């Protein structure tokens, strides 16, 4: 999985590219969790380029949202495909 992070005025946008599955764990740990830990108030995840989301990927999203809630931040999911 590749993650591109953009700084916007009101939030950070993370564009995810590739399948959101077990292999995404390392990318989440190295790129997204530090954003939450640094106090990013709003993190928008653009999932338009994620053709497949597995149960492991959903677990990664749940952990990220839980971490953000604990730190007083928000995670917004955008452009999910059915």
PDB file of N, CA and C in Angstrom:
ATOM      1  N   UNK A   1       0.841  -1.178   0.000  1.00  0.00           N
ATOM      2  CA  UNK A   1       0.000   0.000   0.000  1.00  0.00           C
ATOM      3  C   UNK A   1       0.881   1.235   0.000  1.00  0.00           C
ATOM      4  N   UNK A   2       0.472   2.203  -0.793  1.00  0.00           N
ATOM      5  CA  UNK A   2       1.142   3.496  -0.830  1.00  0.00           C
ATOM      6  C   UNK A   2       0.196   4.529  -0.234  1.00  0.00           C
ATOM      7  N   UNK A   3       0.746   5.432   0.563  1.00  0.00           N
ATOM      8  CA  UNK A   3      -0.060   6.490   1.177  1.00  0.00           C
ATOM      9  C   UNK A   3       0.606   7.824   0.889  1.00  0.00           C
ATOM     10  N   UNK A   4      -0.140   8.739   0.272  1.00  0.00           N
ATOM     11  CA  UNK A   4       0.326  10.099   0.034  1.00  0.00           C
ATOM     12  C   UNK A   4      -0.421  11.020   0.987  1.00  0.00           C
ATOM     13  N   UNK A   5       0.328  11.811   1.756  1.00  0.00           N
ATOM     14  CA  UNK A   5      -0.292  12.709   2.737  1.00  0.00           C
ATOM     15  C   UNK A   5      -0.146  14.146   2.256  1.00  0.00           C
ATOM     16  N   UNK A   6      -1.267  14.846   2.232  1.00  0.00           N
ATOM     17  CA  UNK A   6      -1.297  16.253   1.824  1.00  0.00           C
ATOM     18  C   UNK A   6      -1.757  17.114   2.991  1.00  0.00           C
ATOM     19  N   UNK A   7      -1.164  18.274   3.112  1.00  0.00           N
ATOM     20  CA  UNK A   7      -1.547  19.232   4.157  1.00  0.00           C
ATOM     21  C   UNK A   7      -2.574  20.192   3.570  1.00  0.00           C
ATOM     22  N   UNK A   8      -3.753  20.208   4.125  1.00  0.00           N
ATOM     23  CA  UNK A   8      -4.804  21.133   3.723  1.00  0.00           C
ATOM     24  C   UNK A   8      -5.032  22.106   4.876  1.00  0.00           C
ATOM     25  N   UNK A   9      -5.700  23.243   4.619  1.00  0.00           N
ATOM     26  CA  UNK A   9      -5.887  24.238   5.689  1.00  0.00           C
ATOM     27  C   UNK A   9      -6.581  23.690   6.939  1.00  0.00           C
ATOM     28  N   UNK A  10      -7.611  22.852   6.763  1.00  0.00           N
ATOM     29  CA  UNK A  10      -8.390  22.395   7.913  1.00  0.00           C
ATOM     30  C   UNK A  10      -8.104  20.966   8.337  1.00  0.00           C
ATOM     31  N   UNK A  11      -7.294  20.254   7.561  1.00  0.00           N
ATOM     32  CA  UNK A  11      -7.043  18.853   7.891  1.00  0.00           C
ATOM     33  C   UNK A  11      -5.855  18.328   7.090  1.00  0.00           C
ATOM     34  N   UNK A  12      -5.496  17.104   7.383  1.00  0.00           N
ATOM     35  CA  UNK A  12      -4.536  16.392   6.544  1.00  0.00           C
ATOM     36  C   UNK A  12      -5.307  15.348   5.764  1.00  0.00           C
ATOM     37  N   UNK A  13      -4.955  15.205   4.505  1.00  0.00           N
ATOM     38  CA  UNK A  13      -5.607  14.241   3.634  1.00  0.00           C
ATOM     39  C   UNK A  13      -4.603  13.144   3.317  1.00  0.00           C
ATOM     40  N   UNK A  14      -5.004  11.899   3.579  1.00  0.00           N
ATOM     41  CA  UNK A  14      -4.160  10.744   3.256  1.00  0.00           C
ATOM     42  C   UNK A  14      -4.835   9.980   2.124  1.00  0.00           C
ATOM     43  N   UNK A  15      -4.178   9.954   0.971  1.00  0.00           N
ATOM     44  CA  UNK A  15      -4.705   9.211  -0.179  1.00  0.00           C
ATOM     45  C   UNK A  15      -4.081   7.823  -0.176  1.00  0.00           C
ATOM     46  N   UNK A  16      -4.945   6.821  -0.031  1.00  0.00           N
ATOM     47  CA  UNK A  16      -4.494   5.433   0.027  1.00  0.00           C
ATOM     48  C   UNK A  16      -4.581   4.816  -1.363  1.00  0.00           C
ATOM     49  N   UNK A  17      -3.512   4.115  -1.761  1.00  0.00           N
ATOM     50  CA  UNK A  17      -3.442   3.477  -3.075  1.00  0.00           C
ATOM     51  C   UNK A  17      -3.143   2.000  -2.885  1.00  0.00           C
ATOM     52  N   UNK A  18      -4.029   1.152  -3.361  1.00  0.00           N
ATOM     53  CA  UNK A  18      -3.838  -0.291  -3.250  1.00  0.00           C
ATOM     54  C   UNK A  18      -4.861  -0.905  -2.322  1.00  0.00           C
ATOM     55  N   UNK A  19      -4.744  -2.206  -2.166  1.00  0.00           N
ATOM     56  CA  UNK A  19      -5.690  -2.938  -1.317  1.00  0.00           C
ATOM     57  C   UNK A  19      -5.475  -2.591   0.150  1.00  0.00           C
ATOM     58  N   UNK A  20      -6.571  -2.422   0.846  1.00  0.00           N
ATOM     59  CA  UNK A  20      -6.531  -2.179   2.285  1.00  0.00           C
ATOM     60  C   UNK A  20      -6.723  -3.537   2.949  1.00  0.00           C
ATOM     61  N   UNK A  21      -5.587  -4.180   3.268  1.00  0.00           N
ATOM     62  CA  UNK A  21      -5.597  -5.532   3.804  1.00  0.00           C
ATOM     63  C   UNK A  21      -4.484  -5.680   4.836  1.00  0.00           C
ATOM     64  N   UNK A  22      -4.116  -6.895   5.147  1.00  0.00           N
ATOM     65  CA  UNK A  22      -3.060  -7.173   6.140  1.00  0.00           C
ATOM     66  C   UNK A  22      -1.754  -6.455   5.803  1.00  0.00           C
ATOM     67  N   UNK A  23      -1.447  -6.346   4.517  1.00  0.00           N
ATOM     68  CA  UNK A  23      -0.203  -5.696   4.095  1.00  0.00           C
ATOM     69  C   UNK A  23      -0.195  -4.195   4.370  1.00  0.00           C
ATOM     70  N   UNK A  24      -1.340  -3.615   4.661  1.00  0.00           N
ATOM     71  CA  UNK A  24      -1.421  -2.180   4.940  1.00  0.00           C
ATOM     72  C   UNK A  24      -0.979  -1.839   6.363  1.00  0.00           C
ATOM     73  N   UNK A  25      -0.839  -2.840   7.198  1.00  0.00           N
ATOM     74  CA  UNK A  25      -0.507  -2.600   8.610  1.00  0.00           C
ATOM     75  C   UNK A  25       0.764  -1.758   8.776  1.00  0.00           C
ATOM     76  N   UNK A  26       1.802  -2.093   8.045  1.00  0.00           N
ATOM     77  CA  UNK A  26       3.070  -1.365   8.179  1.00  0.00           C
ATOM     78  C   UNK A  26       2.924   0.097   7.741  1.00  0.00           C
ATOM     79  N   UNK A  27       2.218   0.332   6.630  1.00  0.00           N
ATOM     80  CA  UNK A  27       2.012   1.705   6.151  1.00  0.00           C
ATOM     81  C   UNK A  27       1.200   2.524   7.157  1.00  0.00           C
ATOM     82  N   UNK A  28       0.177   1.921   7.750  1.00  0.00           N
ATOM     83  CA  UNK A  28      -0.613   2.615   8.774  1.00  0.00           C
ATOM     84  C   UNK A  28       0.269   2.961   9.966  1.00  0.00           C
ATOM     85  N   UNK A  29       1.078   1.990  10.413  1.00  0.00           N
ATOM     86  CA  UNK A  29       1.921   2.198  11.591  1.00  0.00           C
ATOM     87  C   UNK A  29       2.996   3.255  11.342  1.00  0.00           C
ATOM     88  N   UNK A  30       3.560   3.272  10.146  1.00  0.00           N
ATOM     89  CA  UNK A  30       4.668   4.193   9.886  1.00  0.00           C
ATOM     90  C   UNK A  30       4.223   5.574   9.417  1.00  0.00           C
ATOM     91  N   UNK A  31       3.023   5.683   8.811  1.00  0.00           N
ATOM     92  CA  UNK A  31       2.622   6.972   8.256  1.00  0.00           C
ATOM     93  C   UNK A  31       1.389   7.596   8.904  1.00  0.00           C
ATOM     94  N   UNK A  32       0.398   6.806   9.239  1.00  0.00           N
ATOM     95  CA  UNK A  32      -0.850   7.388   9.747  1.00  0.00           C
ATOM     96  C   UNK A  32      -0.875   7.510  11.269  1.00  0.00           C
ATOM     97  N   UNK A  33      -0.435   6.495  11.969  1.00  0.00           N
ATOM     98  CA  UNK A  33      -0.440   6.564  13.439  1.00  0.00           C
ATOM     99  C   UNK A  33       0.398   7.739  13.949  1.00  0.00           C
ATOM    100  N   UNK A  34       1.588   8.019  13.365  1.00  0.00           N
ATOM    101  CA  UNK A  34       2.340   9.190  13.830  1.00  0.00           C
ATOM    102  C   UNK A  34       1.604  10.517  13.624  1.00  0.00           C
ATOM    103  N   UNK A  35       0.786  10.619  12.581  1.00  0.00           N
ATOM    104  CA  UNK A  35       0.003  11.842  12.385  1.00  0.00           C
ATOM    105  C   UNK A  35      -0.976  12.043  13.529  1.00  0.00           C
ATOM    106  N   UNK A  36      -1.628  10.962  13.932  1.00  0.00           N
ATOM    107  CA  UNK A  36      -2.569  11.030  15.057  1.00  0.00           C
ATOM    108  C   UNK A  36      -1.822  11.352  16.345  1.00  0.00           C
ATOM    109  N   UNK A  37      -0.697  10.677  16.554  1.00  0.00           N
ATOM    110  CA  UNK A  37       0.081  10.904  17.783  1.00  0.00           C
ATOM    111  C   UNK A  37       0.619  12.332  17.874  1.00  0.00           C
ATOM    112  N   UNK A  38       0.845  12.967  16.711  1.00  0.00           N
ATOM    113  CA  UNK A  38       1.357  14.338  16.686  1.00  0.00           C
ATOM    114  C   UNK A  38       0.259  15.366  16.925  1.00  0.00           C
ATOM    115  N   UNK A  39      -0.987  14.902  17.057  1.00  0.00           N
ATOM    116  CA  UNK A  39      -2.084  15.808  17.377  1.00  0.00           C
ATOM    117  C   UNK A  39      -2.848  16.335  16.180  1.00  0.00           C
ATOM    118  N   UNK A  40      -2.763  15.663  15.042  1.00  0.00           N
ATOM    119  CA  UNK A  40      -3.559  16.067  13.880  1.00  0.00           C
ATOM    120  C   UNK A  40      -5.033  16.035  14.267  1.00  0.00           C
ATOM    121  N   UNK A  41      -5.733  17.172  14.208  1.00  0.00           N
ATOM    122  CA  UNK A  41      -7.120  17.190  14.673  1.00  0.00           C
ATOM    123  C   UNK A  41      -8.081  16.454  13.748  1.00  0.00           C
ATOM    124  N   UNK A  42      -7.844  16.546  12.422  1.00  0.00           N
ATOM    125  CA  UNK A  42      -8.723  15.886  11.458  1.00  0.00           C
ATOM    126  C   UNK A  42      -7.857  15.217  10.392  1.00  0.00           C
ATOM    127  N   UNK A  43      -8.072  13.925  10.228  1.00  0.00           N
ATOM    128  CA  UNK A  43      -7.382  13.157   9.197  1.00  0.00           C
ATOM    129  C   UNK A  43      -8.442  12.581   8.270  1.00  0.00           C
ATOM    130  N   UNK A  44      -8.404  12.999   7.005  1.00  0.00           N
ATOM    131  CA  UNK A  44      -9.355  12.504   6.017  1.00  0.00           C
ATOM    132  C   UNK A  44      -8.656  11.424   5.198  1.00  0.00           C
ATOM    133  N   UNK A  45      -9.244  10.235   5.168  1.00  0.00           N
ATOM    134  CA  UNK A  45      -8.693   9.135   4.381  1.00  0.00           C
ATOM    135  C   UNK A  45      -9.450   9.034   3.070  1.00  0.00           C
ATOM    136  N   UNK A  46      -8.750   9.272   1.972  1.00  0.00           N
ATOM    137  CA  UNK A  46      -9.332   9.165   0.635  1.00  0.00           C
ATOM    138  C   UNK A  46      -9.126   7.735   0.158  1.00  0.00           C
ATOM    139  N   UNK A  47     -10.214   6.974   0.083  1.00  0.00           N
ATOM    140  CA  UNK A  47     -10.158   5.555  -0.257  1.00  0.00           C
ATOM    141  C   UNK A  47     -10.566   5.285  -1.711  1.00  0.00           C
ATOM    142  N   UNK A  48     -10.563   6.313  -2.554  1.00  0.00           N
ATOM    143  CA  UNK A  48     -11.001   6.155  -3.941  1.00  0.00           C
ATOM    144  C   UNK A  48     -10.156   5.146  -4.708  1.00  0.00           C
ATOM    145  N   UNK A  49      -8.888   5.006  -4.350  1.00  0.00           N
ATOM    146  CA  UNK A  49      -7.983   4.110  -5.072  1.00  0.00           C
ATOM    147  C   UNK A  49      -7.704   2.827  -4.273  1.00  0.00           C
ATOM    148  N   UNK A  50      -8.660   2.414  -3.454  1.00  0.00           N
ATOM    149  CA  UNK A  50      -8.564   1.153  -2.710  1.00  0.00           C
ATOM    150  C   UNK A  50      -9.611   0.198  -3.282  1.00  0.00           C
ATOM    151  N   UNK A  51      -9.216  -0.634  -4.232  1.00  0.00           N
ATOM    152  CA  UNK A  51     -10.208  -1.500  -4.875  1.00  0.00           C
ATOM    153  C   UNK A  51     -10.757  -2.602  -3.975  1.00  0.00           C
ATOM    154  N   UNK A  52     -10.010  -2.940  -2.919  1.00  0.00           N
ATOM    155  CA  UNK A  52     -10.431  -4.054  -2.055  1.00  0.00           C
ATOM    156  C   UNK A  52     -10.135  -3.728  -0.601  1.00  0.00           C
ATOM    157  N   UNK A  53     -11.124  -3.930   0.257  1.00  0.00           N
ATOM    158  CA  UNK A  53     -10.952  -3.745   1.697  1.00  0.00           C
ATOM    159  C   UNK A  53     -11.334  -5.063   2.367  1.00  0.00           C
ATOM    160  N   UNK A  54     -10.379  -5.652   3.074  1.00  0.00           N
ATOM    161  CA  UNK A  54     -10.632  -6.923   3.762  1.00  0.00           C
ATOM    162  C   UNK A  54     -10.956  -6.657   5.232  1.00  0.00           C
ATOM    163  N   UNK A  55     -11.272  -7.721   5.947  1.00  0.00           N
ATOM    164  CA  UNK A  55     -11.544  -7.581   7.380  1.00  0.00           C
ATOM    165  C   UNK A  55     -10.307  -7.064   8.125  1.00  0.00           C
ATOM    166  N   UNK A  56      -9.118  -7.432   7.685  1.00  0.00           N
ATOM    167  CA  UNK A  56      -7.887  -6.905   8.303  1.00  0.00           C
ATOM    168  C   UNK A  56      -7.782  -5.400   8.074  1.00  0.00           C
ATOM    169  N   UNK A  57      -8.171  -4.962   6.878  1.00  0.00           N
ATOM    170  CA  UNK A  57      -8.161  -3.534   6.579  1.00  0.00           C
ATOM    171  C   UNK A  57      -9.160  -2.774   7.431  1.00  0.00           C
ATOM    172  N   UNK A  58     -10.328  -3.350   7.626  1.00  0.00           N
ATOM    173  CA  UNK A  58     -11.325  -2.725   8.504  1.00  0.00           C
ATOM    174  C   UNK A  58     -10.772  -2.635   9.923  1.00  0.00           C
ATOM    175  N   UNK A  59     -10.069  -3.666  10.347  1.00  0.00           N
ATOM    176  CA  UNK A  59      -9.435  -3.637  11.663  1.00  0.00           C
ATOM    177  C   UNK A  59      -8.420  -2.510  11.785  1.00  0.00           C
ATOM    178  N   UNK A  60      -7.653  -2.261  10.722  1.00  0.00           N
ATOM    179  CA  UNK A  60      -6.697  -1.156  10.720  1.00  0.00           C
ATOM    180  C   UNK A  60      -7.416   0.189  10.843  1.00  0.00           C
ATOM    181  N   UNK A  61      -8.534   0.320  10.139  1.00  0.00           N
ATOM    182  CA  UNK A  61      -9.317   1.556  10.225  1.00  0.00           C
ATOM    183  C   UNK A  61      -9.873   1.758  11.633  1.00  0.00           C
ATOM    184  N   UNK A  62     -10.384   0.689  12.229  1.00  0.00           N
ATOM    185  CA  UNK A  62     -10.945   0.777  13.586  1.00  0.00           C
ATOM    186  C   UNK A  62      -9.862   1.196  14.577  1.00  0.00           C
ATOM    187  N   UNK A  63      -8.678   0.617  14.471  1.00  0.00           N
ATOM    188  CA  UNK A  63      -7.587   0.993  15.385  1.00  0.00           C
ATOM    189  C   UNK A  63      -7.193   2.456  15.208  1.00  0.00           C
ATOM    190  N   UNK A  64      -7.158   2.935  13.949  1.00  0.00           N
ATOM    191  CA  UNK A  64      -6.803   4.325  13.689  1.00  0.00           C
ATOM    192  C   UNK A  64      -7.850   5.277  14.267  1.00  0.00           C
ATOM    193  N   UNK A  65      -9.124   4.968  14.055  1.00  0.00           N
ATOM    194  CA  UNK A  65     -10.203   5.806  14.584  1.00  0.00           C
ATOM    195  C   UNK A  65     -10.179   5.802  16.109  1.00  0.00           C
ATOM    196  N   UNK A  66      -9.977   4.653  16.701  1.00  0.00           N
ATOM    197  CA  UNK A  66      -9.909   4.556  18.156  1.00  0.00           C
ATOM    198  C   UNK A  66      -8.751   5.390  18.712  1.00  0.00           C
ATOM    199  N   UNK A  67      -7.612   5.310  18.059  1.00  0.00           N
ATOM    200  CA  UNK A  67      -6.441   6.085  18.482  1.00  0.00           C
ATOM    201  C   UNK A  67      -6.745   7.582  18.378  1.00  0.00           C
ATOM    202  N   UNK A  68      -7.385   8.000  17.274  1.00  0.00           N
ATOM    203  CA  UNK A  68      -7.724   9.416  17.095  1.00  0.00           C
ATOM    204  C   UNK A  68      -8.714   9.876  18.160  1.00  0.00           C
ATOM    205  N   UNK A  69      -9.723   9.057  18.451  1.00  0.00           N
ATOM    206  CA  UNK A  69     -10.705   9.412  19.478  1.00  0.00           C
ATOM    207  C   UNK A  69     -10.037   9.602  20.830  1.00  0.00           C
ATOM    208  N   UNK A  70      -9.087   8.760  21.145  1.00  0.00           N
ATOM    209  CA  UNK A  70      -8.362   8.857  22.411  1.00  0.00           C
ATOM    210  C   UNK A  70      -7.567  10.162  22.498  1.00  0.00           C
ATOM    211  N   UNK A  71      -7.055  10.618  21.357  1.00  0.00           N
ATOM    212  CA  UNK A  71      -6.228  11.835  21.323  1.00  0.00           C
ATOM    213  C   UNK A  71      -7.048  13.097  21.053  1.00  0.00           C
ATOM    214  N   UNK A  72      -8.377  12.958  20.943  1.00  0.00           N
ATOM    215  CA  UNK A  72      -9.222  14.112  20.696  1.00  0.00           C
ATOM    216  C   UNK A  72      -9.315  14.508  19.227  1.00  0.00           C
ATOM    217  N   UNK A  73      -8.920  13.616  18.322  1.00  0.00           N
ATOM    218  CA  UNK A  73      -8.982  13.909  16.892  1.00  0.00           C
ATOM    219  C   UNK A  73     -10.122  13.168  16.222  1.00  0.00           C
ATOM    220  N   UNK A  74     -10.207  13.345  14.903  1.00  0.00           N
ATOM    221  CA  UNK A  74     -11.245  12.689  14.103  1.00  0.00           C
ATOM    222  C   UNK A  74     -10.621  12.086  12.862  1.00  0.00           C
ATOM    223  N   UNK A  75     -11.155  10.965  12.428  1.00  0.00           N
ATOM    224  CA  UNK A  75     -10.796  10.349  11.155  1.00  0.00           C
ATOM    225  C   UNK A  75     -12.056  10.313  10.308  1.00  0.00           C
ATOM    226  N   UNK A  76     -11.946  10.818   9.090  1.00  0.00           N
ATOM    227  CA  UNK A  76     -13.081  10.837   8.162  1.00  0.00           C
ATOM    228  C   UNK A  76     -12.739   9.946   6.981  1.00  0.00           C
ATOM    229  N   UNK A  77     -13.652   9.051   6.631  1.00  0.00           N
ATOM    230  CA  UNK A  77     -13.474   8.175   5.483  1.00  0.00           C
ATOM    231  C   UNK A  77     -14.198   8.786   4.295  1.00  0.00           C
ATOM    232  N   UNK A  78     -13.514   8.880   3.160  1.00  0.00           N
ATOM    233  CA  UNK A  78     -14.102   9.498   1.975  1.00  0.00           C
ATOM    234  C   UNK A  78     -13.875   8.645   0.737  1.00  0.00           C
ATOM    235  N   UNK A  79     -14.797   8.754  -0.199  1.00  0.00           N
ATOM    236  CA  UNK A  79     -14.695   8.157  -1.537  1.00  0.00           C
ATOM    237  C   UNK A  79     -14.561   6.639  -1.506  1.00  0.00           C
ATOM    238  N   UNK A  80     -15.275   6.006  -0.585  1.00  0.00           N
ATOM    239  CA  UNK A  80     -15.253   4.543  -0.538  1.00  0.00           C
ATOM    240  C   UNK A  80     -16.066   3.995  -1.701  1.00  0.00           C
ATOM    241  N   UNK A  81     -15.579   2.920  -2.301  1.00  0.00           N
ATOM    242  CA  UNK A  81     -16.315   2.285  -3.379  1.00  0.00           C
ATOM    243  C   UNK A  81     -17.106   1.103  -2.822  1.00  0.00           C
ATOM    244  N   UNK A  82     -18.257   0.806  -3.428  1.00  0.00           N
ATOM    245  CA  UNK A  82     -19.079  -0.289  -2.916  1.00  0.00           C
ATOM    246  C   UNK A  82     -18.436  -1.652  -3.148  1.00  0.00           C
TER     247      UNK A  82
END
